[in-house]
Amino acid sequence: MTEFDLIKKEVEGILPNSPLDFELKHSELVLKWVLNLKPDADEALKIAAISHDIDRAITKITEKDLQDFSKIDEFKKEHSIRSARFIGDILERHEYPKNIIDKVKHLVENHEFGGDEESNILMDADSLAYFDYNIPSYLNRNGRERAKEKIKFMYKRLSAKAKVLVDQMKFDDQAIAELIKESIS
């Protein structure tokens, strides 16, 4: 078993503790989309992909706790910083090299807003996984209007290449397909 496999297994053991029932599947899909967008992704980017939302499983803080959606950017930044700290601690316990720990933390801290090539890839993969799987659960937890805001947020931050991938997605649930169309039109 490789070091990455050990980290992945540990993270997979933590994610089900999230109050959000999709966390583990979302993590797997983000990794899938990272590898789709960058097949030669290094270990740091793959670790960031599986662990970028780890704080929810540890702190139990979710967007449901956000009273004012206009403060979503601040909320997301705090979430990213917490997740980076948690995965950094895990990597230190596994005695990962400092340069890999620093890179993983940088990527996780920037997964919501990007800023460099690999952070942008992680951000795209996170949004693609959201469109791929998370919308029904988000809608059920937060209602239609909040779901529309979240869809707009996730779509707006996508690169042009990733927007094409979302536009090509087929949704079995017609109500979800219509909600997405309405939100991003």
N, C-alpha and C. Protein backbone atom coordinates (compact mmCIF):
# COMPACT_ATOMS: atom_id res chain seq x y z
N MET A 1 0.84 -1.18 0.00
CA MET A 1 0.00 0.00 0.00
C MET A 1 0.90 1.25 0.00
N THR A 2 0.62 2.19 -0.90
CA THR A 2 1.41 3.40 -0.99
C THR A 2 1.02 4.40 0.10
N GLU A 3 1.85 5.41 0.29
CA GLU A 3 1.52 6.47 1.26
C GLU A 3 0.21 7.15 0.87
N PHE A 4 0.02 7.39 -0.43
CA PHE A 4 -1.23 8.00 -0.87
C PHE A 4 -2.42 7.13 -0.48
N ASP A 5 -2.30 5.82 -0.67
CA ASP A 5 -3.38 4.89 -0.30
C ASP A 5 -3.69 4.97 1.19
N LEU A 6 -2.65 5.11 2.01
CA LEU A 6 -2.86 5.22 3.46
C LEU A 6 -3.59 6.52 3.82
N ILE A 7 -3.20 7.61 3.18
CA ILE A 7 -3.87 8.90 3.42
C ILE A 7 -5.31 8.82 2.94
N LYS A 8 -5.50 8.26 1.77
CA LYS A 8 -6.85 8.14 1.21
C LYS A 8 -7.74 7.32 2.14
N LYS A 9 -7.21 6.23 2.63
CA LYS A 9 -7.99 5.38 3.54
C LYS A 9 -8.34 6.13 4.83
N GLU A 10 -7.39 6.89 5.36
CA GLU A 10 -7.66 7.65 6.58
C GLU A 10 -8.73 8.72 6.32
N VAL A 11 -8.59 9.45 5.22
CA VAL A 11 -9.57 10.48 4.88
C VAL A 11 -10.94 9.85 4.66
N GLU A 12 -10.97 8.71 3.97
CA GLU A 12 -12.25 8.01 3.74
C GLU A 12 -12.88 7.55 5.05
N GLY A 13 -12.09 7.34 6.06
CA GLY A 13 -12.62 6.97 7.37
C GLY A 13 -13.19 8.16 8.13
N ILE A 14 -12.74 9.36 7.79
CA ILE A 14 -13.19 10.59 8.46
C ILE A 14 -14.43 11.17 7.78
N LEU A 15 -14.46 11.18 6.46
CA LEU A 15 -15.52 11.87 5.71
C LEU A 15 -16.94 11.42 6.07
N PRO A 16 -17.20 10.15 6.35
CA PRO A 16 -18.57 9.76 6.71
C PRO A 16 -19.08 10.41 8.01
N ASN A 17 -18.21 11.04 8.77
CA ASN A 17 -18.62 11.75 9.98
C ASN A 17 -19.26 13.11 9.67
N SER A 18 -19.21 13.51 8.42
CA SER A 18 -19.81 14.79 8.02
C SER A 18 -21.32 14.73 8.17
N PRO A 19 -21.94 15.86 8.51
CA PRO A 19 -23.40 15.89 8.54
C PRO A 19 -24.01 15.79 7.13
N LEU A 20 -23.17 15.90 6.12
CA LEU A 20 -23.64 15.79 4.74
C LEU A 20 -23.41 14.37 4.24
N ASP A 21 -24.47 13.73 3.81
CA ASP A 21 -24.41 12.31 3.45
C ASP A 21 -23.62 12.00 2.18
N PHE A 22 -23.27 13.02 1.43
CA PHE A 22 -22.59 12.80 0.15
C PHE A 22 -21.08 12.98 0.21
N GLU A 23 -20.53 13.31 1.36
CA GLU A 23 -19.14 13.76 1.46
C GLU A 23 -18.14 12.78 0.85
N LEU A 24 -18.28 11.51 1.17
CA LEU A 24 -17.33 10.52 0.64
C LEU A 24 -17.45 10.41 -0.87
N LYS A 25 -18.65 10.32 -1.39
CA LYS A 25 -18.85 10.22 -2.84
C LYS A 25 -18.34 11.48 -3.53
N HIS A 26 -18.61 12.65 -2.94
CA HIS A 26 -18.12 13.91 -3.52
C HIS A 26 -16.59 13.89 -3.62
N SER A 27 -15.94 13.44 -2.57
CA SER A 27 -14.48 13.36 -2.55
C SER A 27 -13.97 12.47 -3.70
N GLU A 28 -14.61 11.32 -3.87
CA GLU A 28 -14.22 10.40 -4.95
C GLU A 28 -14.42 11.05 -6.32
N LEU A 29 -15.52 11.79 -6.46
CA LEU A 29 -15.80 12.44 -7.75
C LEU A 29 -14.84 13.59 -8.03
N VAL A 30 -14.45 14.31 -7.00
CA VAL A 30 -13.48 15.39 -7.21
C VAL A 30 -12.17 14.79 -7.70
N LEU A 31 -11.74 13.70 -7.11
CA LEU A 31 -10.52 13.04 -7.59
C LEU A 31 -10.71 12.59 -9.03
N LYS A 32 -11.85 12.01 -9.35
CA LYS A 32 -12.12 11.58 -10.74
C LYS A 32 -12.01 12.76 -11.70
N TRP A 33 -12.61 13.90 -11.34
CA TRP A 33 -12.58 15.06 -12.22
C TRP A 33 -11.18 15.68 -12.30
N VAL A 34 -10.43 15.67 -11.19
CA VAL A 34 -9.05 16.15 -11.25
C VAL A 34 -8.27 15.33 -12.27
N LEU A 35 -8.43 14.00 -12.20
CA LEU A 35 -7.69 13.13 -13.13
C LEU A 35 -8.19 13.28 -14.56
N ASN A 36 -9.46 13.64 -14.73
CA ASN A 36 -9.99 13.92 -16.06
C ASN A 36 -9.35 15.20 -16.62
N LEU A 37 -9.23 16.21 -15.79
CA LEU A 37 -8.69 17.50 -16.22
C LEU A 37 -7.17 17.51 -16.30
N LYS A 38 -6.53 16.71 -15.47
CA LYS A 38 -5.05 16.64 -15.42
C LYS A 38 -4.64 15.20 -15.13
N PRO A 39 -4.60 14.36 -16.16
CA PRO A 39 -4.31 12.94 -15.96
C PRO A 39 -2.98 12.67 -15.25
N ASP A 40 -2.03 13.59 -15.35
CA ASP A 40 -0.73 13.41 -14.71
C ASP A 40 -0.65 14.12 -13.36
N ALA A 41 -1.79 14.34 -12.72
CA ALA A 41 -1.82 15.03 -11.42
C ALA A 41 -0.84 14.37 -10.45
N ASP A 42 -0.12 15.20 -9.72
CA ASP A 42 0.83 14.66 -8.75
C ASP A 42 0.11 14.27 -7.45
N GLU A 43 0.87 13.68 -6.55
CA GLU A 43 0.30 13.19 -5.30
C GLU A 43 -0.34 14.31 -4.48
N ALA A 44 0.28 15.48 -4.46
CA ALA A 44 -0.28 16.59 -3.68
C ALA A 44 -1.66 16.99 -4.19
N LEU A 45 -1.82 17.08 -5.49
CA LEU A 45 -3.11 17.45 -6.06
C LEU A 45 -4.16 16.37 -5.79
N LYS A 46 -3.76 15.11 -5.86
CA LYS A 46 -4.70 14.03 -5.57
C LYS A 46 -5.11 14.03 -4.10
N ILE A 47 -4.17 14.29 -3.20
CA ILE A 47 -4.51 14.36 -1.77
C ILE A 47 -5.45 15.55 -1.54
N ALA A 48 -5.16 16.68 -2.16
CA ALA A 48 -6.03 17.85 -2.02
C ALA A 48 -7.44 17.53 -2.52
N ALA A 49 -7.53 16.78 -3.60
CA ALA A 49 -8.84 16.44 -4.16
C ALA A 49 -9.69 15.63 -3.18
N ILE A 50 -9.09 14.66 -2.53
CA ILE A 50 -9.88 13.80 -1.64
C ILE A 50 -10.16 14.45 -0.29
N SER A 51 -9.38 15.46 0.08
CA SER A 51 -9.47 16.00 1.44
C SER A 51 -9.95 17.45 1.51
N HIS A 52 -10.29 18.05 0.40
CA HIS A 52 -10.56 19.50 0.38
C HIS A 52 -11.73 19.93 1.27
N ASP A 53 -12.65 19.04 1.58
CA ASP A 53 -13.81 19.37 2.43
C ASP A 53 -13.77 18.66 3.78
N ILE A 54 -12.62 18.21 4.21
CA ILE A 54 -12.51 17.39 5.41
C ILE A 54 -13.01 18.11 6.66
N ASP A 55 -12.96 19.43 6.67
CA ASP A 55 -13.35 20.13 7.90
C ASP A 55 -14.81 19.88 8.27
N ARG A 56 -15.69 19.68 7.29
CA ARG A 56 -17.10 19.44 7.62
C ARG A 56 -17.28 18.16 8.43
N ALA A 57 -16.45 17.18 8.14
CA ALA A 57 -16.54 15.91 8.88
C ALA A 57 -15.99 16.04 10.29
N ILE A 58 -15.14 17.02 10.52
CA ILE A 58 -14.53 17.21 11.82
C ILE A 58 -15.28 18.26 12.64
N THR A 59 -15.62 19.39 12.02
CA THR A 59 -16.27 20.49 12.76
C THR A 59 -17.79 20.42 12.73
N LYS A 60 -18.32 19.70 11.73
CA LYS A 60 -19.78 19.60 11.50
C LYS A 60 -20.38 20.92 11.01
N ILE A 61 -19.55 21.89 10.60
CA ILE A 61 -20.03 23.18 10.10
C ILE A 61 -20.34 23.03 8.61
N THR A 62 -21.57 23.40 8.22
CA THR A 62 -21.98 23.33 6.82
C THR A 62 -22.60 24.67 6.40
N GLU A 63 -22.91 24.80 5.13
CA GLU A 63 -23.55 26.02 4.63
C GLU A 63 -24.91 26.26 5.28
N LYS A 64 -25.50 25.23 5.82
CA LYS A 64 -26.78 25.38 6.53
C LYS A 64 -26.60 26.35 7.71
N ASP A 65 -25.38 26.43 8.23
CA ASP A 65 -25.08 27.33 9.34
C ASP A 65 -24.91 28.79 8.88
N LEU A 66 -24.83 29.00 7.60
CA LEU A 66 -24.66 30.35 7.05
C LEU A 66 -26.03 31.01 6.94
N GLN A 67 -26.24 32.05 7.71
CA GLN A 67 -27.54 32.73 7.73
C GLN A 67 -27.72 33.66 6.53
N ASP A 68 -26.65 34.26 6.07
CA ASP A 68 -26.70 35.27 5.01
C ASP A 68 -25.84 34.80 3.84
N PHE A 69 -26.49 34.37 2.74
CA PHE A 69 -25.74 33.82 1.61
C PHE A 69 -24.79 34.84 0.99
N SER A 70 -25.02 36.14 1.22
CA SER A 70 -24.11 37.15 0.68
C SER A 70 -22.73 37.05 1.32
N LYS A 71 -22.62 36.32 2.41
CA LYS A 71 -21.33 36.13 3.09
C LYS A 71 -20.68 34.79 2.72
N ILE A 72 -21.11 34.22 1.61
CA ILE A 72 -20.62 32.91 1.19
C ILE A 72 -19.11 32.89 0.96
N ASP A 73 -18.56 33.98 0.41
CA ASP A 73 -17.12 34.01 0.14
C ASP A 73 -16.32 33.90 1.43
N GLU A 74 -16.71 34.63 2.47
CA GLU A 74 -16.01 34.56 3.76
C GLU A 74 -16.15 33.17 4.36
N PHE A 75 -17.36 32.62 4.28
CA PHE A 75 -17.63 31.29 4.81
C PHE A 75 -16.75 30.25 4.11
N LYS A 76 -16.67 30.33 2.79
CA LYS A 76 -15.87 29.37 2.02
C LYS A 76 -14.38 29.49 2.34
N LYS A 77 -13.90 30.72 2.52
CA LYS A 77 -12.48 30.92 2.85
C LYS A 77 -12.16 30.27 4.20
N GLU A 78 -13.01 30.48 5.20
CA GLU A 78 -12.79 29.87 6.52
C GLU A 78 -12.82 28.35 6.42
N HIS A 79 -13.76 27.83 5.66
CA HIS A 79 -13.87 26.37 5.43
C HIS A 79 -12.57 25.84 4.81
N SER A 80 -12.04 26.54 3.83
CA SER A 80 -10.82 26.10 3.14
C SER A 80 -9.62 26.10 4.08
N ILE A 81 -9.52 27.12 4.90
CA ILE A 81 -8.40 27.21 5.84
C ILE A 81 -8.47 26.08 6.87
N ARG A 82 -9.67 25.81 7.38
CA ARG A 82 -9.81 24.71 8.34
C ARG A 82 -9.45 23.38 7.70
N SER A 83 -9.96 23.13 6.49
CA SER A 83 -9.66 21.87 5.81
C SER A 83 -8.16 21.72 5.57
N ALA A 84 -7.50 22.80 5.17
CA ALA A 84 -6.05 22.75 4.92
C ALA A 84 -5.30 22.41 6.21
N ARG A 85 -5.73 22.99 7.31
CA ARG A 85 -5.07 22.71 8.59
C ARG A 85 -5.24 21.23 8.97
N PHE A 86 -6.47 20.71 8.82
CA PHE A 86 -6.72 19.31 9.19
C PHE A 86 -5.92 18.33 8.33
N ILE A 87 -5.91 18.53 7.01
CA ILE A 87 -5.15 17.59 6.18
C ILE A 87 -3.65 17.77 6.39
N GLY A 88 -3.22 19.00 6.66
CA GLY A 88 -1.81 19.22 6.98
C GLY A 88 -1.38 18.43 8.21
N ASP A 89 -2.23 18.43 9.24
CA ASP A 89 -1.94 17.67 10.46
C ASP A 89 -1.84 16.17 10.17
N ILE A 90 -2.74 15.68 9.34
CA ILE A 90 -2.70 14.25 8.98
C ILE A 90 -1.41 13.93 8.24
N LEU A 91 -1.04 14.76 7.30
CA LEU A 91 0.19 14.52 6.53
C LEU A 91 1.42 14.59 7.42
N GLU A 92 1.43 15.50 8.39
CA GLU A 92 2.56 15.58 9.32
C GLU A 92 2.67 14.30 10.14
N ARG A 93 1.54 13.77 10.60
CA ARG A 93 1.56 12.51 11.36
C ARG A 93 2.13 11.37 10.53
N HIS A 94 1.89 11.43 9.21
CA HIS A 94 2.42 10.40 8.30
C HIS A 94 3.83 10.73 7.83
N GLU A 95 4.39 11.79 8.38
CA GLU A 95 5.77 12.22 8.08
C GLU A 95 6.00 12.50 6.60
N TYR A 96 5.02 13.14 5.97
CA TYR A 96 5.18 13.58 4.59
C TYR A 96 6.23 14.68 4.53
N PRO A 97 6.91 14.81 3.41
CA PRO A 97 7.86 15.91 3.26
C PRO A 97 7.14 17.27 3.34
N LYS A 98 7.84 18.24 3.91
CA LYS A 98 7.27 19.56 4.11
C LYS A 98 6.78 20.18 2.80
N ASN A 99 7.52 19.99 1.71
CA ASN A 99 7.12 20.60 0.44
C ASN A 99 5.77 20.05 -0.05
N ILE A 100 5.50 18.77 0.18
CA ILE A 100 4.21 18.19 -0.22
C ILE A 100 3.11 18.70 0.71
N ILE A 101 3.38 18.73 2.01
CA ILE A 101 2.40 19.25 2.96
C ILE A 101 2.03 20.69 2.60
N ASP A 102 3.04 21.51 2.33
CA ASP A 102 2.79 22.91 1.99
C ASP A 102 1.97 23.04 0.71
N LYS A 103 2.27 22.19 -0.27
CA LYS A 103 1.52 22.25 -1.53
C LYS A 103 0.07 21.82 -1.33
N VAL A 104 -0.14 20.73 -0.61
CA VAL A 104 -1.51 20.26 -0.34
C VAL A 104 -2.29 21.36 0.38
N LYS A 105 -1.70 21.94 1.41
CA LYS A 105 -2.38 22.99 2.16
C LYS A 105 -2.70 24.18 1.26
N HIS A 106 -1.76 24.56 0.41
CA HIS A 106 -2.00 25.66 -0.52
C HIS A 106 -3.19 25.35 -1.44
N LEU A 107 -3.21 24.16 -1.99
CA LEU A 107 -4.29 23.77 -2.90
C LEU A 107 -5.64 23.76 -2.18
N VAL A 108 -5.69 23.18 -1.00
CA VAL A 108 -6.95 23.10 -0.26
C VAL A 108 -7.40 24.50 0.15
N GLU A 109 -6.46 25.34 0.60
CA GLU A 109 -6.82 26.71 0.97
C GLU A 109 -7.39 27.49 -0.20
N ASN A 110 -7.02 27.12 -1.42
CA ASN A 110 -7.45 27.86 -2.60
C ASN A 110 -8.48 27.14 -3.46
N HIS A 111 -9.03 26.02 -2.95
CA HIS A 111 -9.93 25.24 -3.80
C HIS A 111 -11.26 25.93 -4.08
N GLU A 112 -11.63 26.91 -3.31
CA GLU A 112 -12.91 27.61 -3.54
C GLU A 112 -12.79 28.76 -4.53
N PHE A 113 -11.60 29.35 -4.63
CA PHE A 113 -11.45 30.55 -5.46
C PHE A 113 -10.30 30.48 -6.46
N GLY A 114 -9.53 29.42 -6.42
CA GLY A 114 -8.46 29.24 -7.40
C GLY A 114 -7.35 30.26 -7.22
N GLY A 115 -6.67 30.53 -8.34
CA GLY A 115 -5.60 31.51 -8.31
C GLY A 115 -4.34 31.08 -9.04
N ASP A 116 -4.15 29.80 -9.20
CA ASP A 116 -3.02 29.27 -9.98
C ASP A 116 -3.53 28.02 -10.71
N GLU A 117 -2.73 27.50 -11.59
CA GLU A 117 -3.20 26.41 -12.47
C GLU A 117 -3.80 25.24 -11.70
N GLU A 118 -3.08 24.71 -10.72
CA GLU A 118 -3.57 23.52 -10.03
C GLU A 118 -4.72 23.83 -9.07
N SER A 119 -4.68 24.99 -8.44
CA SER A 119 -5.83 25.38 -7.59
C SER A 119 -7.08 25.54 -8.45
N ASN A 120 -6.90 26.07 -9.66
CA ASN A 120 -8.03 26.21 -10.58
C ASN A 120 -8.57 24.86 -11.02
N ILE A 121 -7.68 23.91 -11.24
CA ILE A 121 -8.10 22.55 -11.60
C ILE A 121 -8.91 21.95 -10.45
N LEU A 122 -8.42 22.10 -9.23
CA LEU A 122 -9.14 21.57 -8.07
C LEU A 122 -10.50 22.25 -7.92
N MET A 123 -10.54 23.56 -8.12
CA MET A 123 -11.80 24.30 -8.05
C MET A 123 -12.78 23.80 -9.12
N ASP A 124 -12.29 23.62 -10.35
CA ASP A 124 -13.14 23.08 -11.42
C ASP A 124 -13.66 21.69 -11.05
N ALA A 125 -12.77 20.83 -10.55
CA ALA A 125 -13.16 19.46 -10.20
C ALA A 125 -14.21 19.46 -9.09
N ASP A 126 -14.06 20.36 -8.13
CA ASP A 126 -15.02 20.48 -7.04
C ASP A 126 -16.39 20.87 -7.59
N SER A 127 -16.42 21.86 -8.48
CA SER A 127 -17.70 22.28 -9.07
C SER A 127 -18.29 21.19 -9.96
N LEU A 128 -17.45 20.53 -10.74
CA LEU A 128 -17.94 19.47 -11.62
C LEU A 128 -18.56 18.34 -10.79
N ALA A 129 -17.93 18.00 -9.68
CA ALA A 129 -18.48 16.97 -8.80
C ALA A 129 -19.81 17.43 -8.20
N TYR A 130 -19.92 18.71 -7.89
CA TYR A 130 -21.17 19.25 -7.37
C TYR A 130 -22.29 19.07 -8.41
N PHE A 131 -22.02 19.44 -9.65
CA PHE A 131 -23.03 19.29 -10.70
C PHE A 131 -23.31 17.81 -10.97
N ASP A 132 -22.29 17.01 -10.91
CA ASP A 132 -22.37 15.58 -11.20
C ASP A 132 -23.24 14.84 -10.17
N TYR A 133 -23.24 15.31 -8.90
CA TYR A 133 -23.82 14.47 -7.85
C TYR A 133 -24.55 15.21 -6.73
N ASN A 134 -24.11 16.40 -6.34
CA ASN A 134 -24.54 17.01 -5.09
C ASN A 134 -25.82 17.84 -5.14
N ILE A 135 -26.28 18.26 -6.28
CA ILE A 135 -27.39 19.19 -6.34
C ILE A 135 -28.66 18.67 -5.67
N PRO A 136 -29.09 17.43 -5.91
CA PRO A 136 -30.33 16.98 -5.25
C PRO A 136 -30.27 17.08 -3.72
N SER A 137 -29.15 16.69 -3.14
CA SER A 137 -29.00 16.75 -1.70
C SER A 137 -29.01 18.20 -1.22
N TYR A 138 -28.30 19.06 -1.94
CA TYR A 138 -28.26 20.48 -1.56
C TYR A 138 -29.66 21.09 -1.63
N LEU A 139 -30.39 20.79 -2.67
CA LEU A 139 -31.75 21.28 -2.84
C LEU A 139 -32.64 20.83 -1.67
N ASN A 140 -32.57 19.57 -1.32
CA ASN A 140 -33.38 19.04 -0.21
C ASN A 140 -33.05 19.70 1.12
N ARG A 141 -31.78 19.99 1.35
CA ARG A 141 -31.36 20.59 2.63
C ARG A 141 -31.65 22.09 2.70
N ASN A 142 -31.53 22.78 1.58
CA ASN A 142 -31.50 24.24 1.62
C ASN A 142 -32.62 24.94 0.86
N GLY A 143 -33.41 24.20 0.10
CA GLY A 143 -34.51 24.82 -0.63
C GLY A 143 -34.10 25.35 -1.99
N ARG A 144 -35.11 25.65 -2.79
CA ARG A 144 -34.92 26.02 -4.19
C ARG A 144 -34.11 27.31 -4.38
N GLU A 145 -34.45 28.35 -3.66
CA GLU A 145 -33.77 29.63 -3.88
C GLU A 145 -32.29 29.56 -3.50
N ARG A 146 -32.01 28.93 -2.38
CA ARG A 146 -30.61 28.79 -1.96
C ARG A 146 -29.87 27.88 -2.94
N ALA A 147 -30.54 26.84 -3.44
CA ALA A 147 -29.91 25.95 -4.43
C ALA A 147 -29.58 26.71 -5.70
N LYS A 148 -30.46 27.59 -6.13
CA LYS A 148 -30.18 28.39 -7.33
C LYS A 148 -28.94 29.26 -7.12
N GLU A 149 -28.82 29.86 -5.94
CA GLU A 149 -27.64 30.69 -5.63
C GLU A 149 -26.37 29.84 -5.65
N LYS A 150 -26.45 28.66 -5.08
CA LYS A 150 -25.28 27.77 -5.03
C LYS A 150 -24.90 27.32 -6.45
N ILE A 151 -25.88 26.99 -7.26
CA ILE A 151 -25.61 26.59 -8.65
C ILE A 151 -24.93 27.73 -9.39
N LYS A 152 -25.44 28.93 -9.23
CA LYS A 152 -24.81 30.11 -9.87
C LYS A 152 -23.37 30.27 -9.41
N PHE A 153 -23.15 30.16 -8.10
CA PHE A 153 -21.81 30.27 -7.52
C PHE A 153 -20.87 29.23 -8.13
N MET A 154 -21.31 27.97 -8.15
CA MET A 154 -20.46 26.89 -8.63
C MET A 154 -20.20 26.99 -10.14
N TYR A 155 -21.18 27.46 -10.89
CA TYR A 155 -21.01 27.57 -12.34
C TYR A 155 -20.13 28.77 -12.69
N LYS A 156 -20.35 29.87 -12.01
CA LYS A 156 -19.60 31.10 -12.30
C LYS A 156 -18.10 30.90 -12.14
N ARG A 157 -17.70 30.10 -11.17
CA ARG A 157 -16.27 29.94 -10.89
C ARG A 157 -15.59 28.94 -11.82
N LEU A 158 -16.35 28.26 -12.66
CA LEU A 158 -15.78 27.28 -13.58
C LEU A 158 -14.97 27.94 -14.70
N SER A 159 -13.93 27.26 -15.13
CA SER A 159 -13.20 27.68 -16.33
C SER A 159 -14.09 27.42 -17.55
N ALA A 160 -13.73 28.00 -18.67
CA ALA A 160 -14.50 27.80 -19.90
C ALA A 160 -14.55 26.31 -20.26
N LYS A 161 -13.44 25.61 -20.11
CA LYS A 161 -13.38 24.17 -20.41
C LYS A 161 -14.35 23.39 -19.52
N ALA A 162 -14.38 23.71 -18.23
CA ALA A 162 -15.25 23.00 -17.30
C ALA A 162 -16.72 23.34 -17.53
N LYS A 163 -17.00 24.57 -17.94
CA LYS A 163 -18.39 24.94 -18.26
C LYS A 163 -18.91 24.08 -19.41
N VAL A 164 -18.06 23.81 -20.38
CA VAL A 164 -18.46 22.95 -21.49
C VAL A 164 -18.82 21.56 -20.96
N LEU A 165 -18.02 21.05 -20.01
CA LEU A 165 -18.30 19.73 -19.44
C LEU A 165 -19.64 19.72 -18.70
N VAL A 166 -19.94 20.79 -17.96
CA VAL A 166 -21.24 20.88 -17.28
C VAL A 166 -22.36 20.94 -18.31
N ASP A 167 -22.16 21.76 -19.32
CA ASP A 167 -23.19 21.91 -20.36
C ASP A 167 -23.48 20.59 -21.07
N GLN A 168 -22.51 19.68 -21.09
CA GLN A 168 -22.69 18.38 -21.75
C GLN A 168 -23.29 17.32 -20.82
N MET A 169 -23.37 17.63 -19.52
CA MET A 169 -23.91 16.65 -18.56
C MET A 169 -25.39 16.41 -18.83
N LYS A 170 -25.78 15.17 -18.65
CA LYS A 170 -27.19 14.77 -18.77
C LYS A 170 -27.69 14.45 -17.37
N PHE A 171 -28.85 14.97 -17.03
CA PHE A 171 -29.42 14.78 -15.71
C PHE A 171 -30.70 13.95 -15.82
N ASP A 172 -30.73 12.84 -15.09
CA ASP A 172 -31.90 11.96 -15.13
C ASP A 172 -33.14 12.65 -14.56
N ASP A 173 -32.94 13.46 -13.54
CA ASP A 173 -34.04 14.17 -12.89
C ASP A 173 -34.33 15.46 -13.66
N GLN A 174 -35.46 15.50 -14.33
CA GLN A 174 -35.82 16.65 -15.16
C GLN A 174 -35.94 17.93 -14.35
N ALA A 175 -36.43 17.83 -13.11
CA ALA A 175 -36.55 19.02 -12.26
C ALA A 175 -35.17 19.61 -11.95
N ILE A 176 -34.19 18.75 -11.74
CA ILE A 176 -32.82 19.22 -11.48
C ILE A 176 -32.25 19.85 -12.75
N ALA A 177 -32.47 19.22 -13.89
CA ALA A 177 -32.00 19.78 -15.16
C ALA A 177 -32.60 21.17 -15.39
N GLU A 178 -33.87 21.33 -15.11
CA GLU A 178 -34.53 22.62 -15.28
C GLU A 178 -34.02 23.65 -14.29
N LEU A 179 -33.78 23.24 -13.05
CA LEU A 179 -33.23 24.13 -12.04
C LEU A 179 -31.86 24.65 -12.45
N ILE A 180 -31.02 23.76 -12.97
CA ILE A 180 -29.69 24.15 -13.43
C ILE A 180 -29.80 25.13 -14.58
N LYS A 181 -30.63 24.79 -15.55
CA LYS A 181 -30.80 25.66 -16.72
C LYS A 181 -31.28 27.05 -16.28
N GLU A 182 -32.26 27.07 -15.42
CA GLU A 182 -32.80 28.34 -14.90
C GLU A 182 -31.74 29.14 -14.15
N SER A 183 -30.90 28.45 -13.41
CA SER A 183 -29.91 29.12 -12.58
C SER A 183 -28.74 29.69 -13.36
N ILE A 184 -28.34 29.01 -14.44
CA ILE A 184 -27.15 29.47 -15.16
C ILE A 184 -27.45 30.20 -16.46
N SER A 185 -28.71 30.34 -16.78
CA SER A 185 -29.09 31.05 -18.02
C SER A 185 -28.89 32.54 -17.86
